[in-house]
Amino acid sequence: MDKQSTQSSEVLSKIERARQARRHKFYLRDDHVTLSHGSGGKATHNLIEGIFAPAFANTILDRMEDSATITLGDQRLAFTTDSYVVNPLFFAGGDIGRLAVHGTINDLAMAGADPLYLSAGIILEEGFAIEHLQRIVDSMARAAHEAGVLIVTGDTKVVQRAKADGIFINTAGVGSVRASANLGQALVAPGDRVLLSGSVGDHGIAIMLAREELDIETEVSSDSAALHTLVAALLDRIGTRLHCLKDPTRGGVATALNEVALSAEVSIALDERAIPVHEGVRGACEILGLDALTIANEGKLLAFIAPEAEQEALRALRAHPLGREAAVIGTVQAEFPGMVFLRTDIGGTRVLDMLVGDPLPRIC
């Protein structure tokens, strides 16, 4: 057996072990769906592992990556889909249309793919203002144009009043995986460095402030952005020394890192002082009793890289407009697999778990 076949066999074995571990960690005990099942945290994983994963199980889905990577002939493609139900529809830094385009592009980017084509499925509620629909569609068109992708197919449905909430959007996307990209959670190994491309919590806090009309004097805007050019810059610089990318959206950085730790059978040690958080987000979290590491982001990535590539990767990220605040925030370890630990500002250490509950439903 050649080296590549041996590596593929080891990866598949690790995926199967992670799948078994998830079955023991996540339990679906609910009789009805709740808002927490859409939070991206433990309840979401309980729903996925209890209902969807067993029903649809296959070697591609079982990897549980942000996008499915498939091979057609000699071409590797990434394929993904996502739905957007954010409330409110318009917020500081973006709107549901811009978010729908960026979110799907970013899922493709996490597979190391250059996005090519998107679809747009739109569900409208009877009575929804045409003015708002035009604004959202124009925003989607601009976001797609800026990212260099085409929206090539779609579908529209209308339901009766009170049977939806204005507008819901589904986008699916296809991208071409770069030759230098060999990425996946199962490839993360002890010694890898964890890099974060910028500040955390901006999107979730922007949504909360817009929705609740809280009397908090701070200016926070969503970080919604298309990350494929940032990923391209990173791959161009360090190539196969980049092992995995994660998009810390629902459930935030904490949930994304726990997913990796479980799938890769490793632990992750973070340094709280190294994690960038804007003062407006930090202040809002303190007032509201939230942890910025569990708050959604829509324009940030986590990168797991070989230790010798740490400084090169950091320079590549910081040279890009979307990575100026990039930082090395942690290290992958072998001990206590499946766990994430946070070294706090005051010198202690605590377990950083997945998001539990649902402090902010419908953030994307």
Protein backbone atom coordinates (compact mmCIF):
# COMPACT_ATOMS: atom_id res chain seq x y z
CA MET A 1 0.00 0.00 0.00
CA ASP A 2 1.46 3.41 -1.00
CA LYS A 3 1.82 6.38 1.35
CA GLN A 4 -1.23 8.21 -0.02
CA SER A 5 -3.45 5.15 0.34
CA THR A 6 -2.20 4.62 3.89
CA GLN A 7 -2.96 8.25 4.77
CA SER A 8 -6.45 8.01 3.26
CA SER A 9 -7.11 4.84 5.24
CA GLU A 10 -6.00 6.53 8.46
CA VAL A 11 -8.23 9.53 7.78
CA LEU A 12 -11.26 7.32 7.10
CA SER A 13 -10.55 5.38 10.28
CA LYS A 14 -10.40 8.61 12.27
CA ILE A 15 -13.67 9.80 10.74
CA GLU A 16 -15.39 6.56 11.75
CA ARG A 17 -14.03 6.82 15.31
CA ALA A 18 -15.24 10.44 15.50
CA ARG A 19 -18.63 9.34 14.26
CA GLN A 20 -18.84 6.74 17.03
CA ALA A 21 -17.65 9.32 19.59
CA ARG A 22 -20.36 11.76 18.51
CA ARG A 23 -22.99 9.08 19.03
CA HIS A 24 -21.89 8.78 22.66
CA LYS A 25 -21.62 12.55 23.21
CA PHE A 26 -24.87 13.79 21.65
CA TYR A 27 -28.29 12.62 22.79
CA LEU A 28 -31.62 13.58 21.26
CA ARG A 29 -34.11 13.45 24.12
CA ASP A 30 -36.53 16.13 22.97
CA ASP A 31 -40.07 15.37 21.85
CA HIS A 32 -40.40 18.58 19.85
CA VAL A 33 -38.13 20.94 17.95
CA THR A 34 -37.11 24.07 19.87
CA LEU A 35 -35.29 27.26 18.87
CA SER A 36 -32.16 25.84 20.51
CA HIS A 37 -32.01 23.21 17.78
CA GLY A 38 -31.07 26.01 15.39
CA SER A 39 -28.40 27.60 17.58
CA GLY A 40 -25.45 25.66 16.17
CA GLY A 41 -24.53 24.36 19.64
CA LYS A 42 -25.20 21.12 21.49
CA ALA A 43 -28.92 21.02 20.70
CA THR A 44 -28.19 21.36 16.98
CA HIS A 45 -25.65 18.56 17.14
CA ASN A 46 -28.11 16.40 19.05
CA LEU A 47 -30.64 16.92 16.24
CA ILE A 48 -28.11 16.21 13.49
CA GLU A 49 -26.62 13.14 15.13
CA GLY A 50 -29.98 11.83 16.27
CA ILE A 51 -32.00 12.31 13.08
CA PHE A 52 -30.12 13.39 9.96
CA ALA A 53 -26.68 11.76 10.18
CA PRO A 54 -27.96 8.18 10.63
CA ALA A 55 -30.55 8.55 7.86
CA PHE A 56 -28.22 10.06 5.27
CA ALA A 57 -24.93 8.41 6.29
CA ASN A 58 -22.26 8.07 3.60
CA THR A 59 -18.50 8.55 3.41
CA ILE A 60 -18.77 12.14 2.19
CA LEU A 61 -21.40 13.37 4.67
CA ASP A 62 -19.76 11.55 7.58
CA ARG A 63 -16.80 13.94 7.40
CA MET A 64 -19.11 16.71 8.72
CA GLU A 65 -17.18 19.49 6.97
CA ASP A 66 -18.55 22.91 5.99
CA SER A 67 -18.75 21.70 2.37
CA ALA A 68 -18.84 18.31 0.70
CA THR A 69 -15.79 17.66 -1.46
CA ILE A 70 -16.49 15.46 -4.45
CA THR A 71 -14.44 14.27 -7.43
CA LEU A 72 -15.77 14.29 -10.99
CA GLY A 73 -13.23 12.90 -13.42
CA ASP A 74 -9.98 14.68 -12.61
CA GLN A 75 -11.66 17.70 -11.04
CA ARG A 76 -12.31 18.22 -7.34
CA LEU A 77 -15.43 20.23 -6.53
CA ALA A 78 -16.88 21.59 -3.31
CA PHE A 79 -20.65 21.68 -2.85
CA THR A 80 -22.66 23.26 -0.04
CA THR A 81 -26.05 24.65 0.88
CA ASP A 82 -27.37 26.93 3.62
CA SER A 83 -30.59 28.69 4.62
CA TYR A 84 -31.00 32.16 6.08
CA VAL A 85 -33.75 33.25 8.46
CA VAL A 86 -31.99 36.16 10.18
CA ASN A 87 -34.11 38.64 12.11
CA PRO A 88 -34.07 41.60 11.51
CA LEU A 89 -33.60 41.48 7.76
CA PHE A 90 -31.47 44.64 7.72
CA PHE A 91 -28.74 45.38 10.26
CA ALA A 92 -25.51 47.33 10.67
CA GLY A 93 -23.01 45.92 8.18
CA GLY A 94 -25.40 43.95 6.00
CA ASP A 95 -28.76 42.31 5.35
CA ILE A 96 -30.18 38.85 4.75
CA GLY A 97 -29.30 38.93 1.04
CA ARG A 98 -25.65 39.85 1.48
CA LEU A 99 -25.38 37.32 4.30
CA ALA A 100 -26.82 34.53 2.13
CA VAL A 101 -24.22 35.06 -0.57
CA HIS A 102 -21.27 35.45 1.80
CA GLY A 103 -22.24 32.49 3.97
CA THR A 104 -22.33 30.01 1.10
CA ILE A 105 -19.13 31.38 -0.45
CA ASN A 106 -17.40 30.97 2.91
CA ASP A 107 -18.49 27.35 3.29
CA LEU A 108 -16.92 26.64 -0.10
CA ALA A 109 -13.79 28.55 0.88
CA MET A 110 -13.35 26.38 3.97
CA ALA A 111 -12.80 23.45 1.59
CA GLY A 112 -10.09 25.43 -0.20
CA ALA A 113 -12.38 26.08 -3.16
CA ASP A 114 -12.75 29.05 -5.46
CA PRO A 115 -16.53 29.73 -5.61
CA LEU A 116 -18.06 29.52 -9.08
CA TYR A 117 -21.86 29.31 -9.06
CA LEU A 118 -24.69 29.87 -6.59
CA SER A 119 -28.39 29.09 -6.54
CA ALA A 120 -31.01 31.17 -4.76
CA GLY A 121 -34.23 29.75 -3.34
CA ILE A 122 -36.53 32.40 -1.91
CA ILE A 123 -39.65 31.84 0.21
CA LEU A 124 -41.84 34.92 0.54
CA GLU A 125 -44.75 35.63 2.85
CA GLU A 126 -47.88 37.13 1.36
CA GLY A 127 -47.83 40.86 2.02
CA PHE A 128 -44.05 41.25 2.03
CA ALA A 129 -43.07 44.69 0.73
CA ILE A 130 -41.78 44.69 -2.85
CA GLU A 131 -39.50 47.58 -1.84
CA HIS A 132 -37.77 45.36 0.71
CA LEU A 133 -37.56 42.45 -1.74
CA GLN A 134 -35.91 44.69 -4.35
CA ARG A 135 -33.42 45.94 -1.77
CA ILE A 136 -32.49 42.39 -0.72
CA VAL A 137 -32.14 41.08 -4.28
CA ASP A 138 -29.99 44.07 -5.25
CA SER A 139 -27.79 43.37 -2.24
CA MET A 140 -27.39 39.72 -3.27
CA ALA A 141 -26.46 40.79 -6.80
CA ARG A 142 -23.82 43.23 -5.54
CA ALA A 143 -22.32 40.70 -3.13
CA ALA A 144 -22.10 38.06 -5.87
CA HIS A 145 -20.56 40.52 -8.32
CA GLU A 146 -17.98 41.67 -5.77
CA ALA A 147 -17.02 38.05 -5.10
CA GLY A 148 -16.86 37.12 -8.79
CA VAL A 149 -19.55 34.44 -8.64
CA LEU A 150 -22.71 33.94 -10.68
CA ILE A 151 -26.20 33.21 -9.37
CA VAL A 152 -27.24 30.79 -12.10
CA THR A 153 -30.48 29.17 -10.92
CA GLY A 154 -33.16 29.57 -8.31
CA ASP A 155 -36.72 29.10 -7.13
CA THR A 156 -39.43 31.29 -5.62
CA LYS A 157 -42.37 30.29 -3.43
CA VAL A 158 -45.04 32.38 -1.70
CA VAL A 159 -46.92 31.27 1.42
CA GLN A 160 -49.95 32.75 3.15
CA ARG A 161 -49.75 35.54 5.70
CA ALA A 162 -48.41 34.43 9.09
CA LYS A 163 -47.03 31.20 7.56
CA ALA A 164 -43.47 32.58 7.31
CA ASP A 165 -41.68 35.70 8.52
CA GLY A 166 -41.34 37.98 5.54
CA ILE A 167 -38.59 36.21 3.61
CA PHE A 168 -36.38 33.12 3.98
CA ILE A 169 -33.45 32.47 1.60
CA ASN A 170 -31.63 29.27 0.70
CA THR A 171 -28.39 29.39 -1.25
CA ALA A 172 -26.35 26.48 -2.58
CA GLY A 173 -22.93 26.77 -4.12
CA VAL A 174 -20.35 24.95 -6.23
CA GLY A 175 -16.64 25.72 -6.27
CA SER A 176 -13.42 24.33 -7.72
CA VAL A 177 -11.02 23.03 -5.07
CA ARG A 178 -7.50 24.39 -5.45
CA ALA A 179 -4.78 21.87 -6.27
CA SER A 180 -2.81 22.89 -3.16
CA ALA A 181 -5.80 22.28 -0.85
CA ASN A 182 -5.91 19.06 1.14
CA LEU A 183 -8.08 20.08 4.05
CA GLY A 184 -10.20 18.38 6.66
CA GLN A 185 -10.81 18.09 10.38
CA ALA A 186 -9.33 14.59 10.42
CA LEU A 187 -5.98 16.02 9.26
CA VAL A 188 -5.52 18.20 12.35
CA ALA A 189 -2.64 16.84 14.45
CA PRO A 190 -0.95 17.56 17.80
CA GLY A 191 1.45 20.47 17.48
CA ASP A 192 -0.67 22.32 14.91
CA ARG A 193 -1.19 26.01 15.58
CA VAL A 194 -4.65 27.55 15.65
CA LEU A 195 -4.96 30.90 13.88
CA LEU A 196 -7.97 33.23 13.93
CA SER A 197 -8.33 35.77 11.14
CA GLY A 198 -9.79 38.57 13.25
CA SER A 199 -12.03 39.76 16.06
CA VAL A 200 -14.91 37.59 17.30
CA GLY A 201 -18.58 38.23 18.03
CA ASP A 202 -19.22 41.21 15.75
CA HIS A 203 -22.05 39.69 13.74
CA GLY A 204 -24.02 38.20 16.60
CA ILE A 205 -23.81 41.35 18.71
CA ALA A 206 -24.79 43.54 15.73
CA ILE A 207 -27.91 41.40 15.26
CA MET A 208 -28.77 41.49 18.95
CA LEU A 209 -28.41 45.28 19.14
CA ALA A 210 -30.54 45.75 16.01
CA ARG A 211 -33.22 43.33 17.19
CA GLU A 212 -33.61 44.22 20.82
CA GLU A 213 -33.11 47.99 20.52
CA LEU A 214 -31.05 47.88 23.70
CA ASP A 215 -29.91 51.09 25.33
CA ILE A 216 -26.22 50.27 24.90
CA GLU A 217 -24.02 53.04 23.54
CA THR A 218 -21.71 51.13 21.22
CA GLU A 219 -21.18 50.86 17.48
CA VAL A 220 -20.89 47.26 16.31
CA SER A 221 -21.33 46.15 12.70
CA SER A 222 -21.64 42.68 11.25
CA ASP A 223 -18.39 41.28 9.88
CA SER A 224 -20.19 39.67 6.92
CA ALA A 225 -17.63 39.18 4.14
CA ALA A 226 -16.57 36.69 1.47
CA LEU A 227 -13.41 34.90 2.61
CA HIS A 228 -12.30 33.01 -0.51
CA THR A 229 -9.57 35.48 -1.45
CA LEU A 230 -8.18 35.34 2.09
CA VAL A 231 -8.08 31.54 1.88
CA ALA A 232 -6.41 31.74 -1.52
CA ALA A 233 -3.69 34.00 -0.10
CA LEU A 234 -3.10 31.56 2.74
CA LEU A 235 -2.92 28.52 0.44
CA ASP A 236 -0.59 30.35 -1.93
CA ARG A 237 1.79 31.00 0.97
CA ILE A 238 1.79 27.71 2.91
CA GLY A 239 0.09 25.12 0.65
CA THR A 240 -0.31 21.68 2.21
CA ARG A 241 0.94 22.93 5.57
CA LEU A 242 -2.60 24.25 5.98
CA HIS A 243 -4.50 21.29 7.42
CA CYS A 244 -8.02 22.53 8.14
CA LEU A 245 -10.25 25.60 7.93
CA LYS A 246 -13.40 26.28 9.94
CA ASP A 247 -16.05 28.96 9.62
CA PRO A 248 -17.09 29.91 13.20
CA THR A 249 -20.67 30.97 12.48
CA ARG A 250 -23.51 29.64 14.69
CA GLY A 251 -22.13 28.68 18.08
CA GLY A 252 -19.05 30.82 17.50
CA VAL A 253 -15.40 29.92 17.94
CA ALA A 254 -16.12 27.69 20.92
CA THR A 255 -18.43 25.36 19.00
CA ALA A 256 -16.23 25.25 15.88
CA LEU A 257 -13.17 24.27 17.93
CA ASN A 258 -15.07 21.59 19.82
CA GLU A 259 -16.18 20.10 16.51
CA VAL A 260 -12.57 19.90 15.34
CA ALA A 261 -11.31 18.48 18.64
CA LEU A 262 -13.89 15.71 18.49
CA SER A 263 -13.40 14.84 14.83
CA ALA A 264 -9.59 14.97 14.96
CA GLU A 265 -9.36 13.15 18.31
CA VAL A 266 -7.23 15.92 19.79
CA SER A 267 -7.55 18.63 22.40
CA ILE A 268 -7.05 22.35 21.82
CA ALA A 269 -5.47 24.80 24.26
CA LEU A 270 -6.39 28.48 23.76
CA ASP A 271 -4.91 31.65 25.19
CA GLU A 272 -7.73 34.08 26.01
CA ARG A 273 -5.38 37.06 25.91
CA ALA A 274 -4.49 36.30 22.27
CA ILE A 275 -8.09 36.29 21.01
CA PRO A 276 -9.05 39.63 19.42
CA VAL A 277 -12.36 41.09 20.61
CA HIS A 278 -13.47 44.63 19.73
CA GLU A 279 -14.24 46.82 22.71
CA GLY A 280 -17.86 47.33 21.63
CA VAL A 281 -18.43 43.57 21.53
CA ARG A 282 -16.59 43.04 24.80
CA GLY A 283 -18.67 45.70 26.53
CA ALA A 284 -21.98 44.38 25.17
CA CYS A 285 -21.08 40.83 26.23
CA GLU A 286 -20.25 41.99 29.76
CA ILE A 287 -23.55 43.85 30.06
CA LEU A 288 -25.61 41.00 28.61
CA GLY A 289 -23.75 38.17 30.33
CA LEU A 290 -22.57 36.56 27.07
CA ASP A 291 -19.30 34.91 26.05
CA ALA A 292 -17.88 36.37 22.84
CA LEU A 293 -16.44 32.95 21.97
CA THR A 294 -19.96 31.51 21.57
CA ILE A 295 -21.25 34.42 19.46
CA ALA A 296 -21.64 34.01 15.70
CA ASN A 297 -19.21 35.42 13.14
CA GLU A 298 -19.80 35.78 9.40
CA GLY A 299 -16.45 37.00 8.14
CA LYS A 300 -13.81 35.15 10.16
CA LEU A 301 -11.99 31.84 9.80
CA LEU A 302 -10.05 29.45 11.99
CA ALA A 303 -6.96 27.89 10.41
CA PHE A 304 -5.09 24.82 11.67
CA ILE A 305 -1.54 24.84 10.36
CA ALA A 306 1.71 22.94 10.77
CA PRO A 307 3.84 24.58 13.49
CA GLU A 308 6.71 25.46 11.14
CA ALA A 309 4.31 27.54 8.98
CA GLU A 310 3.00 29.70 11.83
CA GLN A 311 4.76 32.97 10.99
CA GLU A 312 4.31 32.61 7.23
CA ALA A 313 0.61 32.02 7.70
CA LEU A 314 0.29 34.98 10.03
CA ARG A 315 2.01 37.26 7.54
CA ALA A 316 -0.23 36.03 4.72
CA LEU A 317 -3.39 36.68 6.71
CA ARG A 318 -2.31 40.10 7.99
CA ALA A 319 -1.38 41.25 4.48
CA HIS A 320 -5.00 40.78 3.38
CA PRO A 321 -7.68 43.40 4.25
CA LEU A 322 -9.84 40.74 5.91
CA GLY A 323 -7.01 39.37 8.05
CA ARG A 324 -5.32 42.45 9.51
CA GLU A 325 -6.20 41.44 13.08
CA ALA A 326 -5.16 37.80 12.63
CA ALA A 327 -3.61 36.11 15.65
CA VAL A 328 -2.24 32.77 16.83
CA ILE A 329 -4.73 31.82 19.54
CA GLY A 330 -3.87 28.24 20.48
CA THR A 331 -2.17 24.90 19.99
CA VAL A 332 -3.44 21.40 19.23
CA GLN A 333 -2.53 18.76 21.82
CA ALA A 334 -2.75 14.98 22.09
CA GLU A 335 -3.91 14.71 25.71
CA PHE A 336 -7.62 14.70 26.63
CA PRO A 337 -8.98 14.26 23.07
CA GLY A 338 -12.27 15.95 22.29
CA MET A 339 -11.72 18.80 24.76
CA VAL A 340 -11.03 22.51 24.36
CA PHE A 341 -9.28 24.39 27.16
CA LEU A 342 -9.03 28.16 27.66
CA ARG A 343 -6.20 29.79 29.58
CA THR A 344 -7.95 32.81 31.07
CA ASP A 345 -6.80 36.40 31.54
CA ILE A 346 -6.31 35.78 35.27
CA GLY A 347 -4.06 32.78 34.75
CA GLY A 348 -6.52 29.94 35.30
CA THR A 349 -7.75 27.28 32.89
CA ARG A 350 -11.32 26.27 32.13
CA VAL A 351 -13.05 23.91 29.76
CA LEU A 352 -14.55 25.74 26.78
CA ASP A 353 -17.61 23.77 25.75
CA MET A 354 -19.98 24.06 22.81
CA LEU A 355 -22.73 26.64 22.99
CA VAL A 356 -25.40 25.41 25.37
CA GLY A 357 -28.92 26.82 25.04
CA ASP A 358 -29.81 29.58 22.63
CA PRO A 359 -28.99 33.13 23.76
CA LEU A 360 -29.69 34.53 20.30
CA PRO A 361 -31.86 32.60 17.81
CA ARG A 362 -31.98 33.46 14.11
CA ILE A 363 -28.62 35.17 13.79
CA CYS A 364 -28.10 33.96 10.21
